C-alpha atoms as a PDB file:
ATOM      1  CA  MET A   1       0.000   0.000   0.000  1.00  0.00           C
ATOM      2  CA  SER A   2       1.427   3.381  -0.928  1.00  0.00           C
ATOM      3  CA  TYR A   3       1.150   6.491   1.130  1.00  0.00           C
ATOM      4  CA  GLN A   4       0.082   9.598  -0.703  1.00  0.00           C
ATOM      5  CA  ALA A   5       0.577  12.901   1.072  1.00  0.00           C
ATOM      6  CA  THR A   6      -2.343  15.283   0.929  1.00  0.00           C
ATOM      7  CA  ALA A   7      -1.934  19.008   1.160  1.00  0.00           C
ATOM      8  CA  PRO A   8      -4.662  21.278   2.445  1.00  0.00           C
ATOM      9  CA  VAL A   9      -6.672  22.878  -0.335  1.00  0.00           C
ATOM     10  CA  ASP A  10      -6.938  26.638  -0.402  1.00  0.00           C
ATOM     11  CA  PRO A  11     -10.586  27.546  -1.149  1.00  0.00           C
ATOM     12  CA  ALA A  12      -9.459  30.768  -2.852  1.00  0.00           C
ATOM     13  CA  SER A  13      -7.513  28.799  -5.471  1.00  0.00           C
ATOM     14  CA  ILE A  14     -10.562  26.849  -6.653  1.00  0.00           C
ATOM     15  CA  THR A  15     -12.271  28.314  -9.701  1.00  0.00           C
ATOM     16  CA  VAL A  16     -15.892  27.658 -10.547  1.00  0.00           C
ATOM     17  CA  THR A  17     -17.061  27.984 -14.115  1.00  0.00           C
ATOM     18  CA  THR A  18     -20.618  28.984 -14.835  1.00  0.00           C
ATOM     19  CA  THR A  19     -22.447  28.847 -18.117  1.00  0.00           C
ATOM     20  CA  GLU A  20     -24.602  31.829 -18.929  1.00  0.00           C
ATOM     21  CA  VAL A  21     -27.172  32.101 -21.662  1.00  0.00           C
ATOM     22  CA  VAL A  22     -27.366  35.554 -23.179  1.00  0.00           C
ATOM     23  CA  PRO A  23     -30.450  36.811 -25.018  1.00  0.00           C
ATOM     24  CA  PRO A  24     -30.488  35.867 -28.702  1.00  0.00           C
ATOM     25  CA  ALA A  25     -29.078  38.259 -31.232  1.00  0.00           C
ATOM     26  CA  THR A  26     -31.516  40.361 -33.207  1.00  0.00           C
ATOM     27  CA  VAL A  27     -31.377  39.647 -36.935  1.00  0.00           C
ATOM     28  CA  PRO A  28     -33.958  41.317 -39.161  1.00  0.00           C
ATOM     29  CA  GLY A  29     -36.326  38.780 -40.699  1.00  0.00           C
ATOM     30  CA  ILE A  30     -35.327  35.882 -38.423  1.00  0.00           C
ATOM     31  CA  GLU A  31     -37.253  34.865 -35.321  1.00  0.00           C
ATOM     32  CA  PRO A  32     -34.958  35.038 -32.243  1.00  0.00           C
ATOM     33  CA  LEU A  33     -35.892  31.458 -31.259  1.00  0.00           C
ATOM     34  CA  ASP A  34     -34.512  30.158 -34.577  1.00  0.00           C
ATOM     35  CA  ILE A  35     -30.975  31.554 -34.280  1.00  0.00           C
ATOM     36  CA  ASN A  36     -28.418  28.794 -33.675  1.00  0.00           C
ATOM     37  CA  ASP A  37     -26.269  30.312 -30.942  1.00  0.00           C
ATOM     38  CA  LEU A  38     -26.380  27.878 -28.003  1.00  0.00           C
ATOM     39  CA  SER A  39     -23.625  25.364 -27.325  1.00  0.00           C
ATOM     40  CA  GLU A  40     -24.383  22.094 -25.543  1.00  0.00           C
ATOM     41  CA  PRO A  41     -23.669  23.468 -22.023  1.00  0.00           C
ATOM     42  CA  GLN A  42     -25.777  26.524 -22.816  1.00  0.00           C
ATOM     43  CA  VAL A  43     -28.653  24.305 -23.985  1.00  0.00           C
ATOM     44  CA  PHE A  44     -28.492  22.541 -20.626  1.00  0.00           C
ATOM     45  CA  ALA A  45     -28.466  25.854 -18.722  1.00  0.00           C
ATOM     46  CA  TYR A  46     -31.394  27.184 -20.798  1.00  0.00           C
ATOM     47  CA  LEU A  47     -33.538  24.068 -20.401  1.00  0.00           C
ATOM     48  CA  HIS A  48     -32.582  23.486 -16.760  1.00  0.00           C
ATOM     49  CA  ALA A  49     -33.777  27.005 -15.908  1.00  0.00           C
ATOM     50  CA  ILE A  50     -37.170  26.094 -17.403  1.00  0.00           C
ATOM     51  CA  ASN A  51     -37.366  22.493 -16.161  1.00  0.00           C
ATOM     52  CA  PRO A  52     -35.110  21.450 -13.252  1.00  0.00           C
ATOM     53  CA  HIS A  53     -35.527  17.767 -14.189  1.00  0.00           C
ATOM     54  CA  ILE A  54     -33.323  18.225 -17.278  1.00  0.00           C
ATOM     55  CA  THR A  55     -29.811  16.933 -16.599  1.00  0.00           C
ATOM     56  CA  ARG A  56     -26.511  17.401 -18.411  1.00  0.00           C
ATOM     57  CA  ARG A  57     -26.503  13.733 -19.298  1.00  0.00           C
ATOM     58  CA  MET A  58     -29.960  13.920 -20.887  1.00  0.00           C
ATOM     59  CA  VAL A  59     -28.793  16.739 -23.158  1.00  0.00           C
ATOM     60  CA  ARG A  60     -25.508  15.010 -23.980  1.00  0.00           C
ATOM     61  CA  ASP A  61     -27.253  11.725 -24.813  1.00  0.00           C
ATOM     62  CA  ALA A  62     -29.815  13.521 -26.973  1.00  0.00           C
ATOM     63  CA  VAL A  63     -26.998  15.087 -28.984  1.00  0.00           C
ATOM     64  CA  LEU A  64     -25.218  11.741 -29.354  1.00  0.00           C
ATOM     65  CA  ARG A  65     -28.443   9.993 -30.454  1.00  0.00           C
ATOM     66  CA  LYS A  66     -29.137  12.891 -32.847  1.00  0.00           C
ATOM     67  CA  GLU A  67     -32.461  13.662 -31.179  1.00  0.00           C
ATOM     68  CA  LEU A  68     -31.183  17.188 -30.627  1.00  0.00           C
ATOM     69  CA  ARG A  69     -29.826  18.382 -33.956  1.00  0.00           C
ATOM     70  CA  GLY A  70     -27.958  21.576 -34.493  1.00  0.00           C
ATOM     71  CA  VAL A  71     -25.606  23.124 -36.992  1.00  0.00           C
ATOM     72  CA  ARG A  72     -21.872  22.595 -36.902  1.00  0.00           C
ATOM     73  CA  ARG A  73     -19.796  25.753 -36.794  1.00  0.00           C
ATOM     74  CA  GLY A  74     -16.083  25.354 -36.444  1.00  0.00           C
ATOM     75  CA  ASN A  75     -15.428  22.605 -33.961  1.00  0.00           C
ATOM     76  CA  LYS A  76     -18.744  22.597 -32.105  1.00  0.00           C
ATOM     77  CA  HIS A  77     -22.464  22.137 -32.599  1.00  0.00           C
ATOM     78  CA  LEU A  78     -24.786  25.096 -32.074  1.00  0.00           C
ATOM     79  CA  PHE A  79     -28.477  24.739 -31.297  1.00  0.00           C
ATOM     80  CA  SER A  80     -31.454  27.076 -31.492  1.00  0.00           C
ATOM     81  CA  ARG A  81     -33.809  27.711 -28.617  1.00  0.00           C
ATOM     82  CA  ARG A  82     -36.759  26.409 -30.671  1.00  0.00           C
ATOM     83  CA  ILE A  83     -34.993  23.069 -31.318  1.00  0.00           C
ATOM     84  CA  ALA A  84     -34.113  22.749 -27.621  1.00  0.00           C
ATOM     85  CA  LEU A  85     -37.674  23.502 -26.517  1.00  0.00           C
ATOM     86  CA  ALA A  86     -39.103  21.089 -29.103  1.00  0.00           C
ATOM     87  CA  TRP A  87     -36.797  18.328 -27.843  1.00  0.00           C
ATOM     88  CA  MET A  88     -37.757  19.021 -24.234  1.00  0.00           C
ATOM     89  CA  THR A  89     -41.501  18.929 -24.950  1.00  0.00           C
ATOM     90  CA  GLY A  90     -41.259  15.977 -27.334  1.00  0.00           C
ATOM     91  CA  GLY A  91     -42.579  17.980 -30.266  1.00  0.00           C
ATOM     92  CA  VAL A  92     -41.323  18.416 -33.795  1.00  0.00           C
ATOM     93  CA  ALA A  93     -39.333  21.538 -34.563  1.00  0.00           C
END
């Protein structure tokens, strides 16, 4: 059995990241719910604020099973608020 020394953790050195969802951009002629500007963590934050039963794993699994489809920009998928709400309610976007 090996002995591993533990040092006390300074609470000030711990950083906490939060994910914020900003209001959608205003584009003339496009409904704000249809703008693809939410990443996967932002989709979770948006839906979790509406329904606390939504978990990170539910959103991640929906993306992997392609139930929650978005557009790919660069190296990540972006989702619209309408698509996220339709997935949460079980409707068709």
